[in-house]
């Protein structure tokens, strides 16, 4: 199973790229929001992507789908769990940022979800019904990938810090401030899930 690839950009098309990794060229489907972040990349530049690997009896030819952040890949796996949304449809649908899509799901904003390519009113309602209540973490994703951080320890605050920085794309200083603000507002927080919820509420105020 392929979960991550790093190599040189050989070719860039509208919905896919060709990535040279150890003398092997991998054809990777890329959602619009990810392709936008690759717009400044030239042929020969280094590119690294988290990969969703798709292969079934109905789709025997392996399909690789690329994402900048591990959290974007995780969101994608939730997204394709919705009835009538398969991986290939989902790739075309992601034409606005994952953070904005996740926020729309949490707030029941069907109008925004209908802006997604190929998503009509019925499917938009299905997305909300299936995923609402599971998207707070993904609603915090920032569009640009920034920074890195040391691995988390057992403390849930440190774990949230790690997720904000290494998965969701926040700067370490920004993540630290977001956590501090959340804890100040709610001193009863006792788990990572509660902390994410409080951070999410704080960012939307």
C-alpha atoms as a PDB file:
ATOM      1  CA  UNK A   1       0.000   0.000   0.000  1.00  0.00           C
ATOM      2  CA  UNK A   2       1.324   3.435  -0.942  1.00  0.00           C
ATOM      3  CA  UNK A   3       0.670   6.133   1.681  1.00  0.00           C
ATOM      4  CA  UNK A   4       3.229   8.839   0.869  1.00  0.00           C
ATOM      5  CA  UNK A   5       5.410   9.764  -2.097  1.00  0.00           C
ATOM      6  CA  UNK A   6       8.232  12.257  -2.504  1.00  0.00           C
ATOM      7  CA  UNK A   7       9.980  12.935  -5.787  1.00  0.00           C
ATOM      8  CA  UNK A   8      10.456  15.222  -8.802  1.00  0.00           C
ATOM      9  CA  UNK A   9       7.581  16.658 -10.805  1.00  0.00           C
ATOM     10  CA  UNK A  10       7.725  15.281 -14.369  1.00  0.00           C
ATOM     11  CA  UNK A  11       4.376  16.408 -15.764  1.00  0.00           C
ATOM     12  CA  UNK A  12       1.411  18.501 -14.627  1.00  0.00           C
ATOM     13  CA  UNK A  13      -2.049  18.339 -16.165  1.00  0.00           C
ATOM     14  CA  UNK A  14      -5.451  19.710 -15.121  1.00  0.00           C
ATOM     15  CA  UNK A  15      -6.337  16.947 -12.660  1.00  0.00           C
ATOM     16  CA  UNK A  16      -3.178  14.864 -12.351  1.00  0.00           C
ATOM     17  CA  UNK A  17       0.583  14.958 -12.076  1.00  0.00           C
ATOM     18  CA  UNK A  18       3.379  12.544 -12.928  1.00  0.00           C
ATOM     19  CA  UNK A  19       5.859  12.194 -10.076  1.00  0.00           C
ATOM     20  CA  UNK A  20       9.271  10.575 -10.536  1.00  0.00           C
ATOM     21  CA  UNK A  21      10.198   8.584  -7.418  1.00  0.00           C
ATOM     22  CA  UNK A  22      13.382   6.476  -7.506  1.00  0.00           C
ATOM     23  CA  UNK A  23      13.248   6.251 -11.315  1.00  0.00           C
ATOM     24  CA  UNK A  24       9.579   5.203 -11.291  1.00  0.00           C
ATOM     25  CA  UNK A  25       6.885   7.573 -12.551  1.00  0.00           C
ATOM     26  CA  UNK A  26       3.668   7.609 -10.504  1.00  0.00           C
ATOM     27  CA  UNK A  27       0.517   9.087 -12.015  1.00  0.00           C
ATOM     28  CA  UNK A  28      -1.384  10.828  -9.201  1.00  0.00           C
ATOM     29  CA  UNK A  29      -4.865  12.358  -9.297  1.00  0.00           C
ATOM     30  CA  UNK A  30      -4.930  15.688  -7.478  1.00  0.00           C
ATOM     31  CA  UNK A  31      -8.033  17.586  -6.257  1.00  0.00           C
ATOM     32  CA  UNK A  32      -8.370  21.212  -7.380  1.00  0.00           C
ATOM     33  CA  UNK A  33      -7.506  22.579  -3.933  1.00  0.00           C
ATOM     34  CA  UNK A  34      -4.265  20.586  -3.914  1.00  0.00           C
ATOM     35  CA  UNK A  35      -3.399  21.459  -7.506  1.00  0.00           C
ATOM     36  CA  UNK A  36      -3.687  25.152  -6.575  1.00  0.00           C
ATOM     37  CA  UNK A  37      -0.867  24.703  -4.072  1.00  0.00           C
ATOM     38  CA  UNK A  38       1.256  23.098  -6.811  1.00  0.00           C
ATOM     39  CA  UNK A  39       0.718  25.957  -9.270  1.00  0.00           C
ATOM     40  CA  UNK A  40       4.090  27.495  -8.454  1.00  0.00           C
ATOM     41  CA  UNK A  41       5.908  24.194  -8.932  1.00  0.00           C
ATOM     42  CA  UNK A  42       7.937  23.801 -12.121  1.00  0.00           C
ATOM     43  CA  UNK A  43       8.926  20.605 -13.888  1.00  0.00           C
ATOM     44  CA  UNK A  44      11.827  19.092 -11.961  1.00  0.00           C
ATOM     45  CA  UNK A  45      10.812  20.604  -8.598  1.00  0.00           C
ATOM     46  CA  UNK A  46      10.517  18.410  -5.523  1.00  0.00           C
ATOM     47  CA  UNK A  47       6.961  17.483  -4.536  1.00  0.00           C
ATOM     48  CA  UNK A  48       5.731  15.424  -1.585  1.00  0.00           C
ATOM     49  CA  UNK A  49       2.174  14.149  -1.179  1.00  0.00           C
ATOM     50  CA  UNK A  50       0.178  11.934   1.148  1.00  0.00           C
ATOM     51  CA  UNK A  51      -1.471   9.262  -0.976  1.00  0.00           C
ATOM     52  CA  UNK A  52      -4.891   7.651  -0.836  1.00  0.00           C
ATOM     53  CA  UNK A  53      -4.600   4.319  -2.668  1.00  0.00           C
ATOM     54  CA  UNK A  54      -7.792   3.060  -4.313  1.00  0.00           C
ATOM     55  CA  UNK A  55      -8.278  -0.356  -5.893  1.00  0.00           C
ATOM     56  CA  UNK A  56     -11.408  -2.533  -5.901  1.00  0.00           C
ATOM     57  CA  UNK A  57     -12.904  -5.350  -7.976  1.00  0.00           C
ATOM     58  CA  UNK A  58     -14.927  -2.753  -9.883  1.00  0.00           C
ATOM     59  CA  UNK A  59     -11.834  -0.529 -10.173  1.00  0.00           C
ATOM     60  CA  UNK A  60      -8.993  -3.054 -10.653  1.00  0.00           C
ATOM     61  CA  UNK A  61      -6.539  -0.454 -11.965  1.00  0.00           C
ATOM     62  CA  UNK A  62      -4.918   1.221  -8.920  1.00  0.00           C
ATOM     63  CA  UNK A  63      -5.695   4.922  -8.513  1.00  0.00           C
ATOM     64  CA  UNK A  64      -3.429   7.208  -6.476  1.00  0.00           C
ATOM     65  CA  UNK A  65      -4.898  10.437  -5.080  1.00  0.00           C
ATOM     66  CA  UNK A  66      -2.556  13.049  -3.593  1.00  0.00           C
ATOM     67  CA  UNK A  67      -2.914  15.509  -0.687  1.00  0.00           C
ATOM     68  CA  UNK A  68      -0.620  18.077   0.935  1.00  0.00           C
ATOM     69  CA  UNK A  69      -1.651  17.219   4.487  1.00  0.00           C
ATOM     70  CA  UNK A  70      -2.333  13.929   6.221  1.00  0.00           C
ATOM     71  CA  UNK A  71      -5.511  15.505   7.646  1.00  0.00           C
ATOM     72  CA  UNK A  72      -6.754  16.268   4.105  1.00  0.00           C
ATOM     73  CA  UNK A  73      -6.355  12.583   3.267  1.00  0.00           C
ATOM     74  CA  UNK A  74      -8.222  11.629   6.454  1.00  0.00           C
ATOM     75  CA  UNK A  75     -11.033  14.042   5.562  1.00  0.00           C
ATOM     76  CA  UNK A  76     -11.200  12.504   2.079  1.00  0.00           C
ATOM     77  CA  UNK A  77     -11.727   9.064   3.622  1.00  0.00           C
ATOM     78  CA  UNK A  78     -14.667  10.402   5.619  1.00  0.00           C
ATOM     79  CA  UNK A  79     -16.024  12.190   2.545  1.00  0.00           C
ATOM     80  CA  UNK A  80     -16.082   9.077   0.362  1.00  0.00           C
ATOM     81  CA  UNK A  81     -17.930   7.165   3.086  1.00  0.00           C
ATOM     82  CA  UNK A  82     -21.047   9.158   2.136  1.00  0.00           C
ATOM     83  CA  UNK A  83     -23.454   7.219  -0.056  1.00  0.00           C
ATOM     84  CA  UNK A  84     -23.042   7.938  -3.787  1.00  0.00           C
ATOM     85  CA  UNK A  85     -19.642   9.641  -3.375  1.00  0.00           C
ATOM     86  CA  UNK A  86     -16.787   7.499  -4.637  1.00  0.00           C
ATOM     87  CA  UNK A  87     -13.105   8.481  -4.778  1.00  0.00           C
ATOM     88  CA  UNK A  88     -13.164   9.708  -8.383  1.00  0.00           C
ATOM     89  CA  UNK A  89     -16.255  11.844  -7.814  1.00  0.00           C
ATOM     90  CA  UNK A  90     -14.750  13.169  -4.590  1.00  0.00           C
ATOM     91  CA  UNK A  91     -11.539  14.252  -6.346  1.00  0.00           C
ATOM     92  CA  UNK A  92     -13.554  16.423  -8.728  1.00  0.00           C
ATOM     93  CA  UNK A  93     -15.763  17.724  -5.912  1.00  0.00           C
ATOM     94  CA  UNK A  94     -12.976  19.200  -3.790  1.00  0.00           C
ATOM     95  CA  UNK A  95     -12.817  22.581  -5.513  1.00  0.00           C
ATOM     96  CA  UNK A  96     -12.902  24.651  -2.311  1.00  0.00           C
ATOM     97  CA  UNK A  97     -10.660  24.221   0.720  1.00  0.00           C
ATOM     98  CA  UNK A  98     -11.159  21.204   2.970  1.00  0.00           C
ATOM     99  CA  UNK A  99     -11.425  23.532   5.969  1.00  0.00           C
ATOM    100  CA  UNK A 100     -14.320  25.410   4.352  1.00  0.00           C
ATOM    101  CA  UNK A 101     -16.069  22.172   3.361  1.00  0.00           C
ATOM    102  CA  UNK A 102     -15.730  20.795   6.884  1.00  0.00           C
ATOM    103  CA  UNK A 103     -17.107  24.019   8.368  1.00  0.00           C
ATOM    104  CA  UNK A 104     -20.047  23.904   5.950  1.00  0.00           C
ATOM    105  CA  UNK A 105     -20.821  20.348   7.030  1.00  0.00           C
ATOM    106  CA  UNK A 106     -20.672  21.225  10.727  1.00  0.00           C
ATOM    107  CA  UNK A 107     -22.910  24.267  10.270  1.00  0.00           C
ATOM    108  CA  UNK A 108     -25.324  22.495   7.910  1.00  0.00           C
ATOM    109  CA  UNK A 109     -24.497  24.958   5.127  1.00  0.00           C
ATOM    110  CA  UNK A 110     -25.974  23.091   2.169  1.00  0.00           C
ATOM    111  CA  UNK A 111     -25.600  26.123  -0.097  1.00  0.00           C
ATOM    112  CA  UNK A 112     -21.784  26.010   0.217  1.00  0.00           C
ATOM    113  CA  UNK A 113     -21.704  22.236  -0.284  1.00  0.00           C
ATOM    114  CA  UNK A 114     -23.655  22.650  -3.536  1.00  0.00           C
ATOM    115  CA  UNK A 115     -20.736  24.750  -4.813  1.00  0.00           C
ATOM    116  CA  UNK A 116     -18.696  21.540  -4.924  1.00  0.00           C
ATOM    117  CA  UNK A 117     -18.352  20.183  -8.448  1.00  0.00           C
ATOM    118  CA  UNK A 118     -20.939  17.478  -9.114  1.00  0.00           C
ATOM    119  CA  UNK A 119     -22.726  17.856  -5.754  1.00  0.00           C
ATOM    120  CA  UNK A 120     -26.430  18.613  -5.946  1.00  0.00           C
ATOM    121  CA  UNK A 121     -29.012  19.383  -3.270  1.00  0.00           C
ATOM    122  CA  UNK A 122     -29.799  15.769  -2.383  1.00  0.00           C
ATOM    123  CA  UNK A 123     -26.155  14.743  -2.062  1.00  0.00           C
ATOM    124  CA  UNK A 124     -25.333  17.882  -0.074  1.00  0.00           C
ATOM    125  CA  UNK A 125     -27.995  16.938   2.481  1.00  0.00           C
ATOM    126  CA  UNK A 126     -26.605  13.388   2.600  1.00  0.00           C
ATOM    127  CA  UNK A 127     -23.135  14.762   3.336  1.00  0.00           C
ATOM    128  CA  UNK A 128     -24.442  16.793   6.271  1.00  0.00           C
ATOM    129  CA  UNK A 129     -26.505  13.897   7.615  1.00  0.00           C
ATOM    130  CA  UNK A 130     -23.562  11.489   7.408  1.00  0.00           C
ATOM    131  CA  UNK A 131     -20.686  13.662   8.606  1.00  0.00           C
ATOM    132  CA  UNK A 132     -22.038  16.439  10.829  1.00  0.00           C
ATOM    133  CA  UNK A 133     -20.437  16.218  14.266  1.00  0.00           C
ATOM    134  CA  UNK A 134     -17.229  14.635  12.932  1.00  0.00           C
ATOM    135  CA  UNK A 135     -15.670  17.603  11.132  1.00  0.00           C
ATOM    136  CA  UNK A 136     -14.460  20.063  13.796  1.00  0.00           C
ATOM    137  CA  UNK A 137     -10.839  18.937  13.492  1.00  0.00           C
ATOM    138  CA  UNK A 138     -10.868  19.300   9.707  1.00  0.00           C
ATOM    139  CA  UNK A 139     -12.573  22.702   9.849  1.00  0.00           C
ATOM    140  CA  UNK A 140      -9.329  23.977  11.394  1.00  0.00           C
ATOM    141  CA  UNK A 141      -7.195  22.992   8.390  1.00  0.00           C
ATOM    142  CA  UNK A 142      -5.304  25.896   6.862  1.00  0.00           C
ATOM    143  CA  UNK A 143      -4.888  26.001   3.105  1.00  0.00           C
ATOM    144  CA  UNK A 144      -1.114  26.500   3.155  1.00  0.00           C
ATOM    145  CA  UNK A 145       1.165  23.946   4.731  1.00  0.00           C
ATOM    146  CA  UNK A 146       3.511  25.527   7.259  1.00  0.00           C
ATOM    147  CA  UNK A 147       5.946  24.427   9.900  1.00  0.00           C
ATOM    148  CA  UNK A 148       6.730  21.125  11.555  1.00  0.00           C
ATOM    149  CA  UNK A 149       6.856  19.850  15.079  1.00  0.00           C
ATOM    150  CA  UNK A 150       8.332  17.194  17.320  1.00  0.00           C
ATOM    151  CA  UNK A 151       6.256  14.050  17.957  1.00  0.00           C
ATOM    152  CA  UNK A 152       3.531  14.307  20.584  1.00  0.00           C
ATOM    153  CA  UNK A 153       3.920  12.892  24.047  1.00  0.00           C
ATOM    154  CA  UNK A 154       1.153  11.256  26.089  1.00  0.00           C
ATOM    155  CA  UNK A 155      -0.337  14.546  27.290  1.00  0.00           C
ATOM    156  CA  UNK A 156      -3.492  15.316  25.282  1.00  0.00           C
ATOM    157  CA  UNK A 157      -2.615  19.009  25.010  1.00  0.00           C
ATOM    158  CA  UNK A 158       0.677  18.115  23.372  1.00  0.00           C
ATOM    159  CA  UNK A 159      -1.153  15.689  21.106  1.00  0.00           C
ATOM    160  CA  UNK A 160      -3.501  18.463  19.965  1.00  0.00           C
ATOM    161  CA  UNK A 161      -0.498  20.728  19.455  1.00  0.00           C
ATOM    162  CA  UNK A 162       1.082  18.118  17.205  1.00  0.00           C
ATOM    163  CA  UNK A 163      -2.082  17.670  15.150  1.00  0.00           C
ATOM    164  CA  UNK A 164      -2.544  21.431  14.687  1.00  0.00           C
ATOM    165  CA  UNK A 165       1.008  21.873  13.444  1.00  0.00           C
ATOM    166  CA  UNK A 166       2.046  18.721  11.611  1.00  0.00           C
ATOM    167  CA  UNK A 167      -1.366  17.711  10.225  1.00  0.00           C
ATOM    168  CA  UNK A 168      -3.477  20.866  10.002  1.00  0.00           C
ATOM    169  CA  UNK A 169      -0.791  23.295   8.839  1.00  0.00           C
ATOM    170  CA  UNK A 170      -0.594  25.857  11.674  1.00  0.00           C
ATOM    171  CA  UNK A 171       2.571  27.571  12.887  1.00  0.00           C
ATOM    172  CA  UNK A 172       3.761  26.386  16.298  1.00  0.00           C
ATOM    173  CA  UNK A 173       3.276  29.835  17.842  1.00  0.00           C
ATOM    174  CA  UNK A 174      -0.270  30.111  16.459  1.00  0.00           C
ATOM    175  CA  UNK A 175      -1.193  26.626  17.669  1.00  0.00           C
ATOM    176  CA  UNK A 176       0.146  27.342  21.140  1.00  0.00           C
ATOM    177  CA  UNK A 177      -1.943  30.539  21.329  1.00  0.00           C
ATOM    178  CA  UNK A 178      -5.090  28.764  20.116  1.00  0.00           C
ATOM    179  CA  UNK A 179      -4.694  26.100  22.800  1.00  0.00           C
ATOM    180  CA  UNK A 180      -4.038  28.707  25.487  1.00  0.00           C
ATOM    181  CA  UNK A 181      -7.144  30.671  24.485  1.00  0.00           C
ATOM    182  CA  UNK A 182      -9.293  27.525  24.505  1.00  0.00           C
ATOM    183  CA  UNK A 183      -8.094  26.420  27.944  1.00  0.00           C
ATOM    184  CA  UNK A 184      -8.633  29.929  29.305  1.00  0.00           C
ATOM    185  CA  UNK A 185     -12.235  29.932  28.070  1.00  0.00           C
ATOM    186  CA  UNK A 186     -12.974  26.408  29.328  1.00  0.00           C
ATOM    187  CA  UNK A 187     -10.892  25.161  32.230  1.00  0.00           C
ATOM    188  CA  UNK A 188     -12.879  21.882  32.390  1.00  0.00           C
ATOM    189  CA  UNK A 189     -11.388  20.534  29.149  1.00  0.00           C
ATOM    190  CA  UNK A 190     -10.217  16.980  29.842  1.00  0.00           C
ATOM    191  CA  UNK A 191      -9.637  15.391  26.448  1.00  0.00           C
ATOM    192  CA  UNK A 192      -8.240  16.093  22.986  1.00  0.00           C
ATOM    193  CA  UNK A 193     -11.752  15.990  21.501  1.00  0.00           C
ATOM    194  CA  UNK A 194     -13.014  18.647  23.927  1.00  0.00           C
ATOM    195  CA  UNK A 195      -9.979  20.809  23.223  1.00  0.00           C
ATOM    196  CA  UNK A 196     -10.500  20.575  19.448  1.00  0.00           C
ATOM    197  CA  UNK A 197     -14.158  21.526  19.912  1.00  0.00           C
ATOM    198  CA  UNK A 198     -13.250  24.583  21.999  1.00  0.00           C
ATOM    199  CA  UNK A 199     -10.562  25.678  19.515  1.00  0.00           C
ATOM    200  CA  UNK A 200     -13.043  25.284  16.661  1.00  0.00           C
ATOM    201  CA  UNK A 201     -15.640  27.413  18.440  1.00  0.00           C
ATOM    202  CA  UNK A 202     -13.002  30.059  19.174  1.00  0.00           C
ATOM    203  CA  UNK A 203     -11.905  30.258  15.545  1.00  0.00           C
ATOM    204  CA  UNK A 204     -15.483  30.772  14.333  1.00  0.00           C
ATOM    205  CA  UNK A 205     -16.378  33.591  16.726  1.00  0.00           C
END
